[in-house]
Amino acid sequence: MLRNRNTKIIATLGPSSSSPLKIHSLFQAGADIFRLNFSHGNHEDHRKRVFHIRQYEKRLGRPIGILGDLQGPKLRIGNFRKSFVTLKNNQKFTLDLENKLGDEKRVLLPHPEIFRSVKKNTRILIDDGKIILNIEKVFSNKIYTEVVNGGKISNKKGVNIPDTFIKLSSLTPKDIKDLELCLNLSLDYVALSFVQKAKDLIDLKKYIGDQTSIMAKFEKPLAIKRMDDILSHCDAAMVARGDLGVEMPPEEVPILQKRLVDHSREHGKPVVVATQMLDSMVNAPSPTRAEASDVATAVFDAADSLMLSAETASGKFPIESVKIMDRIIRGVEFDRSYRQILDSKKIKLQQTTSDAISSAASQVVKTVEAKAIFTYTRSGATAKRAARERPAVPIIGLSPDRLTARQLALIWGVHSIHALEPKSFSGMIDNACYLAKIEKIVKKGDYVVITAGAPIGVSGSTNNLRIAKIS
């Protein structure tokens, strides 16, 4: 099951893709990781999906990663007396804490934290930025605004407030219950939504300890400003272009995507590009040319993984969406310019033995024309460092830790194997050569490169590099 590509695919599960057959078909089509979106569905739905994935994983004999995506503090207005109202430009409109149905003049905004955080001339965006309000006065229970961009507004629409730090926890009571389920189900990653500062991740870490890895979702301008600090405290990152595109000018989002991918790679953290990648395939069997170019751009940027959301969760063509994304990725990666672009992006190495060994492994691959790099890793750090170099051959990540093996499914170029830890370094070499033949990566006379640590079994001790010839 060695994928003939490096960039990974995340498929979101939902009503269109939760049966055992659909999950199997998504994986066979090219999905490497499955996402559970806790903004939708109930705990029983998610339990069933995890059960089906783990049953399939057991039959397949290959680690499959699962990402639990927490909803976060989603800000919404209340309900209206009618199904919707129409706001006109320049009219006055009030947001308040009165728990009653709204009309053309006012509506409930059930978030006291907002009233304490905003000030005059702050913009409030409603319904993905379709409605724009400008604040004129702020009181403890009322916000008086003028409508800058009007239109129809209906019940429970989302609220965005760019460039304003909202004094609320990134973990809601719902998130804490969902997080408990994620830990109970031993999910491999937990994504934190609407991160504003590194402390949000530090607080989450207090809940989870070492039970899983944290993915920080970059979807607020404040998070972009604190990019490096946040990347220092997470295990993976996501460019969540939905809310980011609402809160920032659209022309800035592609630039920020490139910057975040580059910074994540500098930090040695895997990065996911997400939202509306093949959005038209929710209802159509093929994407637009612009969407195909969007996917290709993320691959050229060297993102670790690309994510499908509604395309696979609720769309009419979930399997086709994965297949087409797989085809686009492979098309880019087989193009000559792709390798030229990767080689031109030089990454500053840290002064560690792991970085020295990983960098040397990529150079040795070129010199002896090796067919693969094998990394023995307990924590996953060695495989991540090898992937950071973006070598021209597959990285086979072998780990005795099942959680680590599943987490490696997210990483660029890594083919993950859950394997027993050899008792000696010679055993590692023999095992690597055996697996290379089993996986049909090599033939007799080919070379492979092996990196590992001594003493064996000690995390973070990568200090050995060997070249082996297949006999």
Protein backbone atom coordinates (compact mmCIF):
# COMPACT_ATOMS: atom_id res chain seq x y z
CA MET A 1 0.00 0.00 0.00
CA LEU A 2 2.90 2.39 -0.60
CA ARG A 3 1.32 5.54 -2.05
CA ASN A 4 2.89 6.75 -5.26
CA ARG A 5 3.02 10.32 -3.91
CA ASN A 6 4.37 12.34 -0.98
CA THR A 7 1.61 14.82 -0.11
CA LYS A 8 -1.07 13.25 2.10
CA ILE A 9 -4.87 13.50 1.89
CA ILE A 10 -7.23 14.05 4.83
CA ALA A 11 -10.88 13.07 4.26
CA THR A 12 -13.62 14.37 6.57
CA LEU A 13 -16.25 11.80 7.51
CA GLY A 14 -19.94 12.67 7.63
CA PRO A 15 -23.37 11.58 6.36
CA SER A 16 -21.97 10.84 2.89
CA SER A 17 -19.05 8.74 4.07
CA SER A 18 -19.60 6.96 7.39
CA SER A 19 -20.44 3.40 6.36
CA PRO A 20 -17.68 0.76 6.55
CA LEU A 21 -17.76 0.40 2.76
CA LYS A 22 -17.41 4.16 2.18
CA ILE A 23 -14.52 4.39 4.66
CA HIS A 24 -12.74 1.49 2.95
CA SER A 25 -13.37 3.04 -0.46
CA LEU A 26 -12.06 6.46 0.64
CA PHE A 27 -8.84 4.87 1.88
CA GLN A 28 -8.41 2.81 -1.29
CA ALA A 29 -9.01 5.97 -3.33
CA GLY A 30 -6.15 7.73 -1.53
CA ALA A 31 -7.23 9.06 1.88
CA ASP A 32 -4.41 8.74 4.44
CA ILE A 33 -6.09 10.30 7.48
CA PHE A 34 -9.73 10.61 8.51
CA ARG A 35 -11.12 13.74 10.18
CA LEU A 36 -13.99 13.81 12.65
CA ASN A 37 -15.60 17.26 12.66
CA PHE A 38 -17.06 17.91 16.11
CA SER A 39 -19.05 20.86 14.78
CA HIS A 40 -21.42 18.23 13.39
CA GLY A 41 -22.72 14.85 14.49
CA ASN A 42 -23.04 13.35 17.96
CA HIS A 43 -20.70 11.22 20.04
CA GLU A 44 -22.34 7.98 18.96
CA ASP A 45 -21.78 8.87 15.28
CA HIS A 46 -18.09 9.54 15.93
CA ARG A 47 -17.65 6.35 17.99
CA LYS A 48 -19.02 4.26 15.13
CA ARG A 49 -16.70 5.94 12.61
CA VAL A 50 -13.64 5.30 14.76
CA PHE A 51 -14.69 1.67 15.25
CA HIS A 52 -15.03 1.14 11.48
CA ILE A 53 -11.64 2.79 10.82
CA ARG A 54 -9.86 0.67 13.44
CA GLN A 55 -11.48 -2.53 12.18
CA TYR A 56 -10.33 -1.74 8.66
CA GLU A 57 -6.86 -0.80 9.92
CA LYS A 58 -6.57 -4.17 11.62
CA ARG A 59 -7.51 -6.02 8.44
CA LEU A 60 -5.23 -3.87 6.31
CA GLY A 61 -2.21 -4.07 8.61
CA ARG A 62 -1.28 -0.43 8.00
CA PRO A 63 -1.55 2.50 10.47
CA ILE A 64 -4.36 4.96 9.71
CA GLY A 65 -4.44 8.39 11.38
CA ILE A 66 -7.57 9.99 12.85
CA LEU A 67 -7.93 13.73 13.52
CA GLY A 68 -10.53 15.06 15.95
CA ASP A 69 -11.40 18.67 15.04
CA LEU A 70 -12.87 20.60 18.00
CA GLN A 71 -15.51 23.20 17.19
CA GLY A 72 -14.05 25.94 19.38
CA PRO A 73 -15.82 29.12 20.53
CA LYS A 74 -17.93 29.73 17.43
CA LEU A 75 -19.60 33.12 17.79
CA ARG A 76 -23.21 33.35 16.55
CA ILE A 77 -26.15 35.75 16.73
CA GLY A 78 -29.54 34.61 18.09
CA ASN A 79 -32.85 34.00 16.29
CA PHE A 80 -35.25 36.40 14.58
CA ARG A 81 -39.04 36.69 14.94
CA LYS A 82 -39.28 35.95 11.21
CA SER A 83 -36.99 33.49 9.42
CA PHE A 84 -34.85 36.41 8.26
CA VAL A 85 -34.66 40.20 8.08
CA THR A 86 -33.09 42.51 5.52
CA LEU A 87 -30.62 45.16 6.65
CA LYS A 88 -30.07 48.26 4.53
CA ASN A 89 -26.83 50.19 4.13
CA ASN A 90 -26.38 53.06 6.62
CA GLN A 91 -29.25 51.97 8.88
CA LYS A 92 -28.74 51.56 12.63
CA PHE A 93 -28.68 48.04 14.10
CA THR A 94 -28.17 46.92 17.70
CA LEU A 95 -26.57 43.78 19.12
CA ASP A 96 -27.55 43.09 22.73
CA LEU A 97 -27.80 40.54 25.52
CA GLU A 98 -31.62 40.47 25.64
CA ASN A 99 -32.79 36.89 25.25
CA LYS A 100 -35.70 37.56 22.89
CA LEU A 101 -36.32 37.20 19.16
CA GLY A 102 -34.72 39.78 16.88
CA ASP A 103 -36.15 42.10 14.23
CA GLU A 104 -34.95 44.75 11.75
CA LYS A 105 -33.58 46.89 14.59
CA ARG A 106 -31.82 44.44 16.94
CA VAL A 107 -30.80 40.85 17.64
CA LEU A 108 -29.30 38.84 20.50
CA LEU A 109 -25.52 38.38 20.56
CA PRO A 110 -25.13 35.84 23.42
CA HIS A 111 -21.43 36.43 24.05
CA PRO A 112 -20.73 38.87 26.94
CA GLU A 113 -17.00 38.57 26.19
CA ILE A 114 -17.51 40.49 22.95
CA PHE A 115 -19.09 43.43 24.76
CA ARG A 116 -16.01 43.61 27.00
CA SER A 117 -13.54 43.36 24.10
CA VAL A 118 -14.72 45.60 21.24
CA LYS A 119 -14.57 49.38 20.89
CA LYS A 120 -15.77 52.16 18.61
CA ASN A 121 -15.05 51.72 14.87
CA THR A 122 -14.49 47.97 15.24
CA ARG A 123 -15.92 45.99 12.32
CA ILE A 124 -18.30 43.09 13.00
CA LEU A 125 -18.77 40.57 10.18
CA ILE A 126 -21.84 38.32 10.05
CA ASP A 127 -22.56 35.30 7.82
CA ASP A 128 -19.02 34.86 6.45
CA GLY A 129 -18.61 38.60 5.94
CA LYS A 130 -21.76 39.12 3.84
CA ILE A 131 -23.06 41.57 6.46
CA ILE A 132 -20.63 44.23 7.73
CA LEU A 133 -21.42 46.39 10.77
CA ASN A 134 -19.36 49.25 12.17
CA ILE A 135 -19.55 49.90 15.90
CA GLU A 136 -20.63 53.41 16.98
CA LYS A 137 -21.10 52.90 20.75
CA VAL A 138 -20.41 50.07 23.19
CA PHE A 139 -22.10 49.48 26.54
CA SER A 140 -22.00 46.50 28.91
CA ASN A 141 -25.17 45.02 27.39
CA LYS A 142 -25.58 46.77 24.01
CA ILE A 143 -23.50 47.44 20.92
CA TYR A 144 -24.86 50.16 18.63
CA THR A 145 -23.75 49.80 15.01
CA GLU A 146 -24.24 51.21 11.54
CA VAL A 147 -24.72 48.83 8.62
CA VAL A 148 -21.85 49.19 6.14
CA ASN A 149 -22.87 46.30 3.91
CA GLY A 150 -26.44 45.11 4.21
CA GLY A 151 -28.47 42.16 2.98
CA LYS A 152 -30.51 39.25 4.28
CA ILE A 153 -29.60 37.99 7.74
CA SER A 154 -31.11 34.88 9.32
CA ASN A 155 -30.98 32.80 12.50
CA LYS A 156 -27.74 31.67 14.18
CA LYS A 157 -25.37 33.16 11.60
CA GLY A 158 -21.68 33.20 12.50
CA VAL A 159 -19.90 36.31 13.74
CA ASN A 160 -16.30 37.31 13.03
CA ILE A 161 -14.45 40.26 14.59
CA PRO A 162 -11.08 40.76 12.85
CA ASP A 163 -8.05 42.16 14.65
CA THR A 164 -9.74 42.13 18.05
CA PHE A 165 -8.60 39.88 20.86
CA ILE A 166 -11.77 38.37 22.34
CA LYS A 167 -11.28 37.49 26.00
CA LEU A 168 -12.73 34.00 25.96
CA SER A 169 -11.32 30.51 26.37
CA SER A 170 -10.47 28.58 23.23
CA LEU A 171 -12.00 25.52 24.93
CA THR A 172 -15.77 25.68 25.44
CA PRO A 173 -17.69 23.26 27.73
CA LYS A 174 -18.71 21.39 24.55
CA ASP A 175 -15.07 21.17 23.47
CA ILE A 176 -14.07 19.67 26.82
CA LYS A 177 -16.71 16.93 26.48
CA ASP A 178 -15.62 16.30 22.88
CA LEU A 179 -11.98 16.26 23.98
CA GLU A 180 -12.75 13.60 26.58
CA LEU A 181 -14.23 11.48 23.79
CA CYS A 182 -11.16 12.06 21.59
CA LEU A 183 -8.89 10.82 24.38
CA ASN A 184 -11.19 7.92 25.19
CA LEU A 185 -11.07 6.84 21.53
CA SER A 186 -7.27 7.34 21.38
CA LEU A 187 -7.41 9.75 18.43
CA ASP A 188 -4.02 10.62 16.95
CA TYR A 189 -4.43 14.38 16.61
CA VAL A 190 -6.75 16.95 18.18
CA ALA A 191 -7.22 20.22 16.26
CA LEU A 192 -7.86 23.39 18.27
CA SER A 193 -10.05 25.95 16.51
CA PHE A 194 -9.78 29.75 16.67
CA VAL A 195 -6.36 29.80 18.31
CA GLN A 196 -5.45 33.38 19.28
CA LYS A 197 -2.24 32.87 21.28
CA ALA A 198 0.22 30.19 22.40
CA LYS A 199 -1.44 30.00 25.84
CA ASP A 200 -4.50 28.44 24.17
CA LEU A 201 -2.30 25.47 23.25
CA ILE A 202 -0.61 25.39 26.65
CA ASP A 203 -4.04 25.20 28.32
CA LEU A 204 -5.07 22.34 26.01
CA LYS A 205 -1.85 20.50 26.79
CA LYS A 206 -2.83 20.50 30.48
CA TYR A 207 -5.90 18.44 29.58
CA ILE A 208 -4.27 15.92 27.28
CA GLY A 209 -0.70 15.50 28.53
CA ASP A 210 1.06 13.09 26.15
CA GLN A 211 -2.08 11.18 25.13
CA THR A 212 -2.26 12.74 21.66
CA SER A 213 -0.80 15.51 19.48
CA ILE A 214 -2.15 19.05 19.09
CA MET A 215 -2.86 20.68 15.74
CA ALA A 216 -3.22 24.49 15.83
CA LYS A 217 -5.70 25.92 13.35
CA PHE A 218 -4.66 29.27 11.92
CA GLU A 219 -7.90 31.04 11.11
CA LYS A 220 -7.58 34.41 12.88
CA PRO A 221 -5.35 37.39 12.01
CA LEU A 222 -4.09 37.48 15.61
CA ALA A 223 -2.79 33.92 15.22
CA ILE A 224 -0.93 34.91 12.05
CA LYS A 225 0.78 37.75 13.93
CA ARG A 226 1.91 35.24 16.58
CA MET A 227 2.73 32.51 14.09
CA ASP A 228 6.16 31.44 15.33
CA ASP A 229 5.17 31.49 19.00
CA ILE A 230 2.14 29.30 18.28
CA LEU A 231 4.17 26.93 16.08
CA SER A 232 6.61 26.47 18.97
CA HIS A 233 3.81 25.09 21.17
CA CYS A 234 1.93 22.81 18.76
CA ASP A 235 2.70 19.48 17.09
CA ALA A 236 1.11 20.33 13.72
CA ALA A 237 -0.57 23.28 12.00
CA MET A 238 -3.55 23.85 9.74
CA VAL A 239 -4.15 26.73 7.33
CA ALA A 240 -7.92 26.97 7.89
CA ARG A 241 -8.75 29.23 4.98
CA GLY A 242 -12.51 29.48 5.67
CA ASP A 243 -12.62 31.86 8.63
CA LEU A 244 -9.20 33.25 7.72
CA GLY A 245 -10.62 34.32 4.37
CA VAL A 246 -13.54 36.02 6.11
CA GLU A 247 -11.42 37.99 8.58
CA MET A 248 -8.67 38.98 6.14
CA PRO A 249 -8.67 40.41 2.60
CA PRO A 250 -8.88 37.54 0.09
CA GLU A 251 -5.74 38.67 -1.72
CA GLU A 252 -3.71 38.09 1.46
CA VAL A 253 -4.80 34.48 2.09
CA PRO A 254 -2.61 32.82 -0.62
CA ILE A 255 0.41 34.75 0.64
CA LEU A 256 -0.28 33.75 4.24
CA GLN A 257 -0.73 30.15 3.13
CA LYS A 258 2.76 30.10 1.63
CA ARG A 259 4.25 31.84 4.66
CA LEU A 260 2.64 29.44 7.13
CA VAL A 261 3.72 26.38 5.14
CA ASP A 262 7.31 27.68 5.04
CA HIS A 263 7.39 28.60 8.74
CA SER A 264 5.90 25.23 9.74
CA ARG A 265 8.60 23.45 7.79
CA GLU A 266 11.26 25.63 9.43
CA HIS A 267 9.88 24.56 12.81
CA GLY A 268 9.77 20.92 11.72
CA LYS A 269 5.97 20.79 12.18
CA PRO A 270 3.66 19.14 9.63
CA VAL A 271 1.18 21.54 8.03
CA VAL A 272 -2.25 20.97 6.50
CA VAL A 273 -3.90 23.21 3.88
CA ALA A 274 -7.69 23.10 4.25
CA THR A 275 -11.08 24.47 3.18
CA GLN A 276 -12.82 24.62 -0.21
CA MET A 277 -10.03 22.85 -2.08
CA LEU A 278 -12.49 21.04 -4.37
CA ASP A 279 -15.66 22.76 -3.15
CA SER A 280 -17.61 22.46 -6.40
CA MET A 281 -17.38 18.67 -6.06
CA VAL A 282 -19.92 18.81 -3.24
CA ASN A 283 -22.45 18.80 -6.10
CA ALA A 284 -20.41 18.09 -9.26
CA PRO A 285 -18.42 15.00 -10.33
CA SER A 286 -15.36 17.04 -11.35
CA PRO A 287 -13.65 20.20 -10.01
CA THR A 288 -13.23 23.56 -11.66
CA ARG A 289 -9.87 24.31 -13.28
CA ALA A 290 -9.29 26.97 -10.64
CA GLU A 291 -9.74 24.38 -7.87
CA ALA A 292 -7.33 21.99 -9.56
CA SER A 293 -4.80 24.85 -9.67
CA ASP A 294 -5.45 25.60 -5.98
CA VAL A 295 -4.64 22.00 -5.04
CA ALA A 296 -1.54 22.06 -7.25
CA THR A 297 -0.34 25.30 -5.63
CA ALA A 298 -0.52 23.76 -2.16
CA VAL A 299 1.51 20.78 -3.42
CA PHE A 300 4.12 23.08 -4.97
CA ASP A 301 4.25 24.94 -1.64
CA ALA A 302 5.30 21.58 -0.07
CA ALA A 303 2.39 21.24 2.37
CA ASP A 304 2.39 17.93 4.22
CA SER A 305 -1.33 17.24 3.79
CA LEU A 306 -4.38 18.60 1.97
CA MET A 307 -7.84 18.35 3.50
CA LEU A 308 -11.26 17.65 2.04
CA SER A 309 -14.18 18.88 4.16
CA ALA A 310 -17.75 19.01 2.83
CA GLU A 311 -16.52 17.30 -0.37
CA THR A 312 -16.29 13.96 1.47
CA ALA A 313 -18.47 14.62 4.55
CA SER A 314 -21.73 15.68 2.91
CA GLY A 315 -21.04 15.91 -0.82
CA LYS A 316 -22.50 13.75 -3.58
CA PHE A 317 -19.11 12.53 -4.83
CA PRO A 318 -16.86 11.72 -1.83
CA ILE A 319 -14.86 8.92 -3.48
CA GLU A 320 -14.40 10.86 -6.70
CA SER A 321 -13.16 13.89 -4.72
CA VAL A 322 -10.37 11.83 -3.14
CA LYS A 323 -9.47 10.19 -6.45
CA ILE A 324 -9.18 13.52 -8.27
CA MET A 325 -7.12 15.10 -5.47
CA ASP A 326 -4.83 12.06 -5.61
CA ARG A 327 -4.45 12.48 -9.38
CA ILE A 328 -3.68 16.20 -9.12
CA ILE A 329 -1.07 15.61 -6.42
CA ARG A 330 0.66 12.88 -8.41
CA GLY A 331 0.56 15.00 -11.55
CA VAL A 332 2.39 17.83 -9.78
CA GLU A 333 4.89 15.60 -8.01
CA PHE A 334 5.90 13.87 -11.23
CA ASP A 335 6.52 17.20 -12.94
CA ARG A 336 10.21 18.15 -13.26
CA SER A 337 9.63 21.66 -11.86
CA TYR A 338 8.28 20.23 -8.59
CA ARG A 339 11.65 18.79 -7.56
CA GLN A 340 13.43 21.95 -8.70
CA ILE A 341 11.16 24.08 -6.48
CA LEU A 342 11.64 21.77 -3.46
CA ASP A 343 15.41 21.77 -3.86
CA SER A 344 15.46 25.56 -4.06
CA LYS A 345 13.82 25.92 -0.63
CA LYS A 346 16.72 25.65 1.77
CA ILE A 347 15.82 24.92 5.39
CA LYS A 348 18.02 26.21 8.18
CA LEU A 349 19.21 23.24 10.21
CA GLN A 350 19.32 23.20 13.99
CA GLN A 351 22.58 22.25 15.67
CA THR A 352 21.40 18.77 16.66
CA THR A 353 22.52 15.26 15.76
CA SER A 354 19.00 14.51 14.45
CA ASP A 355 19.16 17.36 11.93
CA ALA A 356 22.72 16.45 10.96
CA ILE A 357 21.79 12.80 10.35
CA SER A 358 18.58 13.69 8.46
CA SER A 359 20.40 16.16 6.21
CA ALA A 360 23.19 13.68 5.58
CA ALA A 361 20.65 10.96 4.71
CA SER A 362 19.14 13.12 1.94
CA GLN A 363 22.61 13.80 0.53
CA VAL A 364 23.62 10.12 0.68
CA VAL A 365 20.43 9.19 -1.19
CA LYS A 366 21.53 11.40 -4.10
CA THR A 367 25.12 10.13 -4.05
CA VAL A 368 24.42 6.37 -4.06
CA GLU A 369 21.00 6.65 -5.76
CA ALA A 370 19.31 4.89 -2.84
CA LYS A 371 15.67 3.87 -3.26
CA ALA A 372 14.39 4.72 0.24
CA ILE A 373 15.24 6.13 3.66
CA PHE A 374 14.31 3.97 6.65
CA THR A 375 13.91 5.76 9.99
CA TYR A 376 13.47 3.89 13.25
CA THR A 377 11.66 6.25 15.58
CA ARG A 378 9.85 5.96 18.92
CA SER A 379 8.52 9.54 19.13
CA GLY A 380 8.28 10.25 15.39
CA ALA A 381 10.79 13.10 15.56
CA THR A 382 13.37 11.35 13.35
CA ALA A 383 10.85 10.71 10.58
CA LYS A 384 9.62 14.32 10.78
CA ARG A 385 13.19 15.60 10.47
CA ALA A 386 13.79 13.33 7.48
CA ALA A 387 10.57 14.62 5.84
CA ARG A 388 11.58 18.22 6.53
CA GLU A 389 14.43 17.69 4.04
CA ARG A 390 11.89 16.68 1.36
CA PRO A 391 14.08 13.87 -0.05
CA ALA A 392 13.53 12.47 -3.54
CA VAL A 393 12.76 8.93 -2.29
CA PRO A 394 10.12 7.44 0.06
CA ILE A 395 10.69 7.65 3.82
CA ILE A 396 9.74 4.45 5.61
CA GLY A 397 8.92 5.37 9.20
CA LEU A 398 9.08 2.37 11.52
CA SER A 399 7.90 2.73 15.10
CA PRO A 400 7.15 0.28 17.93
CA ASP A 401 4.67 2.83 19.30
CA ARG A 402 1.25 2.47 17.65
CA LEU A 403 0.25 6.11 18.30
CA THR A 404 3.46 7.36 16.67
CA ALA A 405 2.97 5.06 13.68
CA ARG A 406 -0.54 6.45 13.14
CA GLN A 407 0.59 10.07 13.55
CA LEU A 408 3.24 9.59 10.86
CA ALA A 409 0.42 9.07 8.33
CA LEU A 410 0.10 12.89 8.26
CA ILE A 411 3.74 13.55 7.37
CA TRP A 412 4.97 14.37 3.86
CA GLY A 413 6.59 11.39 2.12
CA VAL A 414 6.40 9.03 5.11
CA HIS A 415 5.11 5.50 4.63
CA SER A 416 4.32 4.42 8.18
CA ILE A 417 4.78 0.91 9.57
CA HIS A 418 4.03 -0.28 13.10
CA ALA A 419 6.92 -2.68 13.73
CA LEU A 420 8.62 -4.35 16.66
CA GLU A 421 11.86 -2.73 17.70
CA PRO A 422 14.94 -4.84 16.75
CA LYS A 423 17.32 -5.65 19.60
CA SER A 424 20.45 -4.64 17.71
CA PHE A 425 21.52 -2.20 15.01
CA SER A 426 22.37 -5.08 12.66
CA GLY A 427 18.82 -6.32 13.27
CA MET A 428 17.51 -2.90 12.20
CA ILE A 429 19.45 -3.11 8.95
CA ASP A 430 18.26 -6.64 8.22
CA ASN A 431 14.68 -5.66 9.00
CA ALA A 432 14.89 -2.57 6.77
CA CYS A 433 16.17 -4.63 3.84
CA TYR A 434 13.45 -7.24 4.37
CA LEU A 435 10.66 -4.63 4.51
CA ALA A 436 12.05 -2.83 1.44
CA LYS A 437 11.61 -6.04 -0.53
CA ILE A 438 8.17 -6.79 0.97
CA GLU A 439 6.97 -3.28 0.09
CA LYS A 440 8.39 -3.73 -3.43
CA ILE A 441 10.50 -0.59 -3.14
CA VAL A 442 13.77 -2.26 -4.16
CA LYS A 443 15.29 -5.03 -6.21
CA LYS A 444 18.58 -6.89 -5.82
CA GLY A 445 21.59 -4.57 -5.96
CA ASP A 446 19.69 -1.44 -4.88
CA TYR A 447 20.71 0.67 -1.89
CA VAL A 448 18.68 1.92 1.06
CA VAL A 449 19.68 4.39 3.78
CA ILE A 450 18.89 3.63 7.44
CA THR A 451 18.86 6.13 10.31
CA ALA A 452 18.40 5.16 13.96
CA GLY A 453 19.63 5.88 17.45
CA ALA A 454 21.85 4.18 19.93
CA PRO A 455 21.16 3.08 22.55
CA ILE A 456 18.10 1.43 20.95
CA GLY A 457 14.74 2.43 22.40
CA VAL A 458 15.79 5.84 23.70
CA SER A 459 13.67 8.64 22.21
CA GLY A 460 15.60 11.54 20.64
CA SER A 461 18.89 9.68 20.27
CA THR A 462 19.20 9.49 16.46
CA ASN A 463 22.94 9.36 15.82
CA ASN A 464 23.52 6.56 13.28
CA LEU A 465 23.34 6.42 9.51
CA ARG A 466 24.01 3.30 7.47
CA ILE A 467 23.89 2.37 3.80
CA ALA A 468 22.71 -1.15 2.97
CA LYS A 469 22.81 -2.99 -0.34
CA ILE A 470 19.93 -5.35 -1.10
CA SER A 471 21.11 -8.90 -1.71
